[in-house]
N, C-alpha and C. Protein backbone atom coordinates (compact mmCIF):
# COMPACT_ATOMS: atom_id res chain seq x y z
N MET A 1 -17.71 15.52 -11.58
CA MET A 1 -16.76 14.45 -11.73
C MET A 1 -15.75 14.50 -10.59
N ALA A 2 -15.33 13.37 -10.14
CA ALA A 2 -14.43 13.28 -8.99
C ALA A 2 -13.08 13.93 -9.26
N GLY A 3 -12.55 13.78 -10.45
CA GLY A 3 -11.26 14.38 -10.79
C GLY A 3 -11.29 15.89 -10.70
N GLU A 4 -12.37 16.47 -11.21
CA GLU A 4 -12.51 17.92 -11.16
C GLU A 4 -12.72 18.38 -9.72
N ALA A 5 -13.53 17.66 -8.96
CA ALA A 5 -13.77 18.03 -7.56
C ALA A 5 -12.48 17.97 -6.76
N MET A 6 -11.71 16.93 -6.96
CA MET A 6 -10.44 16.79 -6.24
C MET A 6 -9.51 17.94 -6.58
N ALA A 7 -9.39 18.26 -7.84
CA ALA A 7 -8.51 19.35 -8.26
C ALA A 7 -8.95 20.68 -7.65
N ARG A 8 -10.25 20.95 -7.65
CA ARG A 8 -10.75 22.21 -7.06
C ARG A 8 -10.41 22.30 -5.57
N ILE A 9 -10.62 21.20 -4.85
CA ILE A 9 -10.34 21.19 -3.41
C ILE A 9 -8.85 21.41 -3.15
N VAL A 10 -8.00 20.70 -3.88
CA VAL A 10 -6.56 20.82 -3.68
C VAL A 10 -6.10 22.24 -4.01
N LEU A 11 -6.53 22.76 -5.14
CA LEU A 11 -6.07 24.08 -5.56
C LEU A 11 -6.60 25.19 -4.65
N ALA A 12 -7.80 25.02 -4.12
CA ALA A 12 -8.36 26.02 -3.21
C ALA A 12 -7.64 26.03 -1.86
N ASN A 13 -7.04 24.90 -1.50
CA ASN A 13 -6.35 24.76 -0.22
C ASN A 13 -4.88 24.41 -0.41
N GLU A 14 -4.29 24.93 -1.47
CA GLU A 14 -2.96 24.50 -1.90
C GLU A 14 -1.90 24.56 -0.81
N HIS A 15 -1.82 25.66 -0.07
CA HIS A 15 -0.78 25.79 0.96
C HIS A 15 -0.94 24.74 2.05
N HIS A 16 -2.16 24.51 2.46
CA HIS A 16 -2.42 23.50 3.49
C HIS A 16 -2.13 22.09 2.97
N VAL A 17 -2.49 21.84 1.73
CA VAL A 17 -2.26 20.52 1.13
C VAL A 17 -0.76 20.25 1.03
N ARG A 18 0.00 21.24 0.60
CA ARG A 18 1.45 21.08 0.49
C ARG A 18 2.06 20.76 1.87
N ALA A 19 1.60 21.47 2.89
CA ALA A 19 2.12 21.22 4.24
C ALA A 19 1.75 19.81 4.71
N LEU A 20 0.52 19.41 4.44
CA LEU A 20 0.08 18.08 4.84
C LEU A 20 0.87 16.98 4.12
N ILE A 21 1.14 17.17 2.85
CA ILE A 21 1.92 16.20 2.09
C ILE A 21 3.33 16.10 2.67
N CYS A 22 3.90 17.23 2.99
CA CYS A 22 5.25 17.24 3.57
C CYS A 22 5.26 16.47 4.89
N ILE A 23 4.28 16.71 5.74
CA ILE A 23 4.21 16.01 7.02
C ILE A 23 3.93 14.53 6.81
N ALA A 24 3.03 14.21 5.90
CA ALA A 24 2.63 12.82 5.67
C ALA A 24 3.78 11.97 5.14
N TYR A 25 4.69 12.58 4.38
CA TYR A 25 5.81 11.83 3.84
C TYR A 25 7.00 11.77 4.78
N SER A 26 6.88 12.44 5.90
CA SER A 26 7.95 12.42 6.89
C SER A 26 8.00 11.04 7.54
N PRO A 27 9.20 10.47 7.74
CA PRO A 27 9.32 9.14 8.35
C PRO A 27 8.75 9.07 9.77
N ALA A 28 8.69 10.20 10.44
CA ALA A 28 8.23 10.20 11.83
C ALA A 28 6.71 10.11 11.95
N THR A 29 6.00 10.33 10.86
CA THR A 29 4.54 10.30 10.91
C THR A 29 4.00 9.10 10.16
N GLY A 30 2.77 8.78 10.42
CA GLY A 30 2.15 7.64 9.74
C GLY A 30 1.23 8.08 8.64
N ALA A 31 0.76 7.15 7.87
CA ALA A 31 -0.15 7.43 6.76
C ALA A 31 -1.51 7.92 7.24
N TYR A 32 -1.79 7.78 8.53
CA TYR A 32 -3.09 8.21 9.05
C TYR A 32 -3.31 9.71 8.88
N LEU A 33 -2.27 10.47 8.63
CA LEU A 33 -2.42 11.91 8.42
C LEU A 33 -2.89 12.24 7.01
N ARG A 34 -2.80 11.29 6.10
CA ARG A 34 -3.20 11.55 4.71
C ARG A 34 -4.71 11.73 4.63
N PRO A 35 -5.16 12.73 3.92
CA PRO A 35 -6.61 12.92 3.78
C PRO A 35 -7.23 11.81 2.94
N VAL A 36 -8.43 11.44 3.27
CA VAL A 36 -9.09 10.34 2.55
C VAL A 36 -10.29 10.82 1.74
N PHE A 37 -10.47 12.14 1.63
CA PHE A 37 -11.66 12.61 0.91
C PHE A 37 -11.66 12.20 -0.55
N ARG A 38 -10.50 11.99 -1.15
CA ARG A 38 -10.49 11.57 -2.56
C ARG A 38 -11.11 10.20 -2.71
N PHE A 39 -10.94 9.33 -1.71
CA PHE A 39 -11.54 8.00 -1.79
C PHE A 39 -13.06 8.08 -1.67
N ARG A 40 -13.55 9.05 -0.94
CA ARG A 40 -15.01 9.24 -0.89
C ARG A 40 -15.53 9.71 -2.26
N LEU A 41 -14.78 10.59 -2.90
CA LEU A 41 -15.15 11.04 -4.25
C LEU A 41 -15.14 9.86 -5.23
N ILE A 42 -14.10 9.06 -5.15
CA ILE A 42 -13.95 7.91 -6.04
C ILE A 42 -15.06 6.90 -5.78
N GLU A 43 -15.34 6.62 -4.53
CA GLU A 43 -16.42 5.67 -4.20
C GLU A 43 -17.76 6.15 -4.73
N ALA A 44 -17.99 7.46 -4.71
CA ALA A 44 -19.24 8.01 -5.26
C ALA A 44 -19.34 7.79 -6.76
N VAL A 45 -18.20 7.86 -7.45
CA VAL A 45 -18.18 7.62 -8.90
C VAL A 45 -18.40 6.14 -9.21
N VAL A 46 -17.78 5.28 -8.43
CA VAL A 46 -17.82 3.84 -8.69
C VAL A 46 -19.13 3.20 -8.23
N GLU A 47 -19.79 3.79 -7.26
CA GLU A 47 -20.99 3.20 -6.66
C GLU A 47 -22.06 2.79 -7.67
N PRO A 48 -22.38 3.60 -8.68
CA PRO A 48 -23.40 3.18 -9.65
C PRO A 48 -23.02 1.94 -10.46
N LEU A 49 -21.74 1.58 -10.47
CA LEU A 49 -21.27 0.44 -11.25
C LEU A 49 -21.33 -0.88 -10.47
N THR A 50 -21.66 -0.82 -9.18
CA THR A 50 -21.59 -2.02 -8.33
C THR A 50 -22.52 -3.14 -8.78
N ALA A 51 -23.63 -2.80 -9.39
CA ALA A 51 -24.56 -3.83 -9.83
C ALA A 51 -24.09 -4.54 -11.09
N SER A 52 -23.20 -3.91 -11.83
CA SER A 52 -22.79 -4.45 -13.13
C SER A 52 -21.43 -5.12 -13.16
N PHE A 53 -20.60 -4.88 -12.14
CA PHE A 53 -19.23 -5.38 -12.18
C PHE A 53 -18.87 -6.09 -10.88
N LYS A 54 -17.90 -6.99 -10.97
CA LYS A 54 -17.43 -7.71 -9.80
C LYS A 54 -16.66 -6.78 -8.88
N ARG A 55 -16.67 -7.10 -7.60
CA ARG A 55 -16.00 -6.27 -6.60
C ARG A 55 -14.50 -6.11 -6.89
N GLU A 56 -13.82 -7.20 -7.29
CA GLU A 56 -12.38 -7.09 -7.55
C GLU A 56 -12.10 -6.20 -8.77
N GLU A 57 -13.00 -6.19 -9.74
CA GLU A 57 -12.84 -5.30 -10.90
C GLU A 57 -13.00 -3.84 -10.47
N LEU A 58 -13.98 -3.59 -9.63
CA LEU A 58 -14.21 -2.23 -9.15
C LEU A 58 -13.06 -1.76 -8.26
N ARG A 59 -12.49 -2.67 -7.51
CA ARG A 59 -11.33 -2.32 -6.67
C ARG A 59 -10.17 -1.85 -7.55
N ARG A 60 -9.92 -2.55 -8.65
CA ARG A 60 -8.86 -2.13 -9.57
C ARG A 60 -9.15 -0.74 -10.15
N LEU A 61 -10.42 -0.49 -10.48
CA LEU A 61 -10.80 0.83 -10.99
C LEU A 61 -10.56 1.90 -9.93
N GLU A 62 -10.97 1.63 -8.69
CA GLU A 62 -10.77 2.59 -7.61
C GLU A 62 -9.29 2.92 -7.42
N LEU A 63 -8.45 1.90 -7.45
CA LEU A 63 -7.01 2.13 -7.29
C LEU A 63 -6.43 2.90 -8.47
N SER A 64 -6.90 2.61 -9.66
CA SER A 64 -6.44 3.35 -10.85
C SER A 64 -6.84 4.82 -10.74
N LEU A 65 -8.07 5.06 -10.32
CA LEU A 65 -8.52 6.44 -10.16
C LEU A 65 -7.74 7.16 -9.06
N ALA A 66 -7.42 6.44 -7.99
CA ALA A 66 -6.66 7.05 -6.89
C ALA A 66 -5.27 7.50 -7.35
N ALA A 67 -4.71 6.82 -8.33
CA ALA A 67 -3.40 7.22 -8.85
C ALA A 67 -3.50 8.52 -9.65
N VAL A 68 -4.66 8.78 -10.21
CA VAL A 68 -4.86 9.97 -11.05
C VAL A 68 -5.45 11.13 -10.25
N ILE A 69 -6.44 10.81 -9.41
CA ILE A 69 -7.13 11.84 -8.65
C ILE A 69 -6.39 12.02 -7.33
N SER A 70 -5.39 12.90 -7.36
CA SER A 70 -4.58 13.08 -6.16
C SER A 70 -4.04 14.49 -6.09
N ALA A 71 -3.71 14.89 -4.87
CA ALA A 71 -3.07 16.19 -4.67
C ALA A 71 -1.74 16.23 -5.38
N GLU A 72 -1.03 15.12 -5.34
CA GLU A 72 0.27 15.06 -5.99
C GLU A 72 0.15 15.32 -7.49
N ALA A 73 -0.87 14.76 -8.12
CA ALA A 73 -1.08 14.99 -9.55
C ALA A 73 -1.33 16.47 -9.82
N CYS A 74 -2.18 17.09 -9.00
CA CYS A 74 -2.47 18.53 -9.17
C CYS A 74 -1.20 19.36 -9.05
N LEU A 75 -0.46 19.11 -8.00
CA LEU A 75 0.72 19.94 -7.73
C LEU A 75 1.86 19.67 -8.70
N THR A 76 1.97 18.45 -9.19
CA THR A 76 2.99 18.16 -10.20
C THR A 76 2.68 18.92 -11.49
N LEU A 77 1.43 18.90 -11.91
CA LEU A 77 1.05 19.65 -13.11
C LEU A 77 1.31 21.13 -12.93
N LYS A 78 1.02 21.63 -11.74
CA LYS A 78 1.20 23.05 -11.49
C LYS A 78 2.68 23.43 -11.42
N ASP A 79 3.46 22.68 -10.67
CA ASP A 79 4.86 23.03 -10.43
C ASP A 79 5.77 22.70 -11.61
N VAL A 80 5.65 21.50 -12.12
CA VAL A 80 6.59 21.02 -13.14
C VAL A 80 6.19 21.48 -14.53
N ARG A 81 4.91 21.44 -14.82
CA ARG A 81 4.45 21.78 -16.17
C ARG A 81 3.85 23.19 -16.27
N ARG A 82 3.80 23.90 -15.15
CA ARG A 82 3.27 25.27 -15.12
C ARG A 82 1.86 25.35 -15.72
N THR A 83 1.03 24.41 -15.32
CA THR A 83 -0.33 24.32 -15.83
C THR A 83 -1.24 25.22 -15.00
N SER A 84 -2.18 25.88 -15.66
CA SER A 84 -3.11 26.75 -14.94
C SER A 84 -4.10 25.91 -14.12
N ASP A 85 -4.69 26.53 -13.11
CA ASP A 85 -5.66 25.82 -12.28
C ASP A 85 -6.83 25.28 -13.12
N LYS A 86 -7.31 26.10 -14.04
CA LYS A 86 -8.42 25.69 -14.90
C LYS A 86 -8.04 24.45 -15.72
N GLN A 87 -6.83 24.45 -16.28
CA GLN A 87 -6.38 23.30 -17.06
C GLN A 87 -6.22 22.05 -16.20
N ILE A 88 -5.72 22.22 -14.98
CA ILE A 88 -5.56 21.08 -14.07
C ILE A 88 -6.91 20.44 -13.80
N ILE A 89 -7.91 21.25 -13.51
CA ILE A 89 -9.25 20.74 -13.24
C ILE A 89 -9.77 19.98 -14.46
N GLU A 90 -9.61 20.56 -15.64
CA GLU A 90 -10.06 19.90 -16.87
C GLU A 90 -9.30 18.60 -17.12
N ILE A 91 -7.99 18.63 -16.94
CA ILE A 91 -7.16 17.45 -17.21
C ILE A 91 -7.51 16.29 -16.28
N LEU A 92 -7.59 16.57 -14.97
CA LEU A 92 -7.91 15.49 -14.03
C LEU A 92 -9.32 14.96 -14.25
N GLY A 93 -10.25 15.86 -14.54
CA GLY A 93 -11.62 15.42 -14.81
C GLY A 93 -11.70 14.55 -16.06
N ARG A 94 -11.03 14.99 -17.12
CA ARG A 94 -11.05 14.23 -18.38
C ARG A 94 -10.34 12.89 -18.23
N THR A 95 -9.21 12.88 -17.53
CA THR A 95 -8.46 11.64 -17.35
C THR A 95 -9.26 10.63 -16.53
N ALA A 96 -9.89 11.08 -15.46
CA ALA A 96 -10.72 10.19 -14.65
C ALA A 96 -11.89 9.66 -15.48
N TYR A 97 -12.52 10.53 -16.26
CA TYR A 97 -13.63 10.11 -17.12
C TYR A 97 -13.17 9.06 -18.13
N GLN A 98 -12.00 9.27 -18.73
CA GLN A 98 -11.49 8.31 -19.71
C GLN A 98 -11.16 6.97 -19.06
N LEU A 99 -10.65 6.99 -17.85
CA LEU A 99 -10.37 5.73 -17.13
C LEU A 99 -11.65 4.94 -16.89
N VAL A 100 -12.69 5.63 -16.41
CA VAL A 100 -13.96 4.95 -16.13
C VAL A 100 -14.57 4.44 -17.43
N THR A 101 -14.53 5.25 -18.47
CA THR A 101 -15.08 4.84 -19.77
C THR A 101 -14.34 3.61 -20.30
N ALA A 102 -13.02 3.65 -20.28
CA ALA A 102 -12.23 2.51 -20.76
C ALA A 102 -12.51 1.28 -19.93
N PHE A 103 -12.60 1.44 -18.62
CA PHE A 103 -12.88 0.31 -17.73
C PHE A 103 -14.22 -0.34 -18.10
N THR A 104 -15.26 0.46 -18.26
CA THR A 104 -16.58 -0.11 -18.55
C THR A 104 -16.59 -0.79 -19.91
N LEU A 105 -15.95 -0.19 -20.90
CA LEU A 105 -15.93 -0.81 -22.23
C LEU A 105 -15.13 -2.11 -22.24
N VAL A 106 -13.95 -2.08 -21.66
CA VAL A 106 -13.08 -3.26 -21.68
C VAL A 106 -13.67 -4.37 -20.82
N THR A 107 -14.15 -4.05 -19.64
CA THR A 107 -14.67 -5.07 -18.75
C THR A 107 -15.94 -5.70 -19.30
N ARG A 108 -16.80 -4.91 -19.89
CA ARG A 108 -18.04 -5.45 -20.46
C ARG A 108 -17.78 -6.32 -21.68
N THR A 109 -16.77 -5.97 -22.45
CA THR A 109 -16.51 -6.72 -23.68
C THR A 109 -15.44 -7.78 -23.51
N LYS A 110 -14.83 -7.85 -22.33
CA LYS A 110 -13.73 -8.79 -22.12
C LYS A 110 -14.17 -10.23 -22.41
N VAL A 111 -15.33 -10.61 -21.95
CA VAL A 111 -15.82 -11.96 -22.18
C VAL A 111 -16.01 -12.20 -23.68
N GLY A 112 -16.56 -11.22 -24.37
CA GLY A 112 -16.74 -11.34 -25.82
C GLY A 112 -15.42 -11.45 -26.55
N TYR A 113 -14.43 -10.64 -26.14
CA TYR A 113 -13.11 -10.70 -26.75
C TYR A 113 -12.45 -12.05 -26.49
N GLN A 114 -12.57 -12.54 -25.25
CA GLN A 114 -11.96 -13.82 -24.92
C GLN A 114 -12.59 -14.95 -25.75
N ARG A 115 -13.89 -14.92 -25.90
CA ARG A 115 -14.59 -15.94 -26.69
C ARG A 115 -14.12 -15.88 -28.14
N ARG A 116 -14.04 -14.67 -28.70
CA ARG A 116 -13.61 -14.50 -30.09
C ARG A 116 -12.15 -14.95 -30.26
N ALA A 117 -11.30 -14.63 -29.29
CA ALA A 117 -9.89 -15.04 -29.37
C ALA A 117 -9.78 -16.56 -29.38
N ARG A 118 -10.58 -17.23 -28.55
CA ARG A 118 -10.55 -18.70 -28.54
C ARG A 118 -11.02 -19.26 -29.87
N GLN A 119 -12.03 -18.64 -30.46
CA GLN A 119 -12.50 -19.10 -31.77
C GLN A 119 -11.41 -18.96 -32.82
N VAL A 120 -10.72 -17.83 -32.82
CA VAL A 120 -9.65 -17.60 -33.80
C VAL A 120 -8.52 -18.59 -33.57
N LEU A 121 -8.12 -18.76 -32.31
CA LEU A 121 -7.03 -19.69 -32.01
C LEU A 121 -7.40 -21.12 -32.38
N ASN A 122 -8.63 -21.52 -32.09
CA ASN A 122 -9.07 -22.87 -32.45
C ASN A 122 -9.10 -23.04 -33.96
N PHE A 123 -9.53 -22.04 -34.68
CA PHE A 123 -9.55 -22.11 -36.14
C PHE A 123 -8.14 -22.26 -36.68
N ARG A 124 -7.21 -21.46 -36.17
CA ARG A 124 -5.82 -21.51 -36.64
C ARG A 124 -5.18 -22.85 -36.30
N SER A 125 -5.51 -23.39 -35.15
CA SER A 125 -4.87 -24.66 -34.76
C SER A 125 -5.37 -25.82 -35.64
N THR A 126 -6.57 -25.71 -36.19
CA THR A 126 -7.08 -26.78 -37.05
C THR A 126 -6.69 -26.58 -38.50
N THR A 127 -6.37 -25.34 -38.88
CA THR A 127 -6.05 -25.09 -40.30
C THR A 127 -4.56 -24.87 -40.53
N GLY A 128 -3.80 -24.81 -39.46
CA GLY A 128 -2.36 -24.52 -39.61
C GLY A 128 -2.10 -23.04 -39.59
N PRO A 129 -0.83 -22.67 -39.62
CA PRO A 129 -0.49 -21.24 -39.55
C PRO A 129 -0.92 -20.50 -40.81
N ARG A 130 -1.31 -19.25 -40.59
CA ARG A 130 -1.67 -18.39 -41.73
C ARG A 130 -0.43 -17.77 -42.32
N ARG A 131 -0.47 -17.57 -43.62
CA ARG A 131 0.66 -16.91 -44.29
C ARG A 131 0.18 -15.74 -45.04
């Protein structure tokens, strides 16, 4: 899973990642210094879904995953919450998995939900408000 892979890479290279984050957030440097390997991990996770979902839907999923699968997420859990490396790997992996699962369920059923909502609203508009 991409979340677990990202956490392992960050934690294995923690000192270097911290230095890179510090440099990348410096006003004198540009975003080009930020590592992009997490986006490769995310793209590998999203790639099997390309046949089933629209590109703009997948883009939203990629951006959502990027917010979760990050060095900052790993280091925040470690520094602020004193989370063990093993727990960080499990948490990021589980969170990324839950995001993808929720995305596929909601996106696949969205049309069905919208159709059902229209049916309910049309029924209520013809029968008056329910009490």
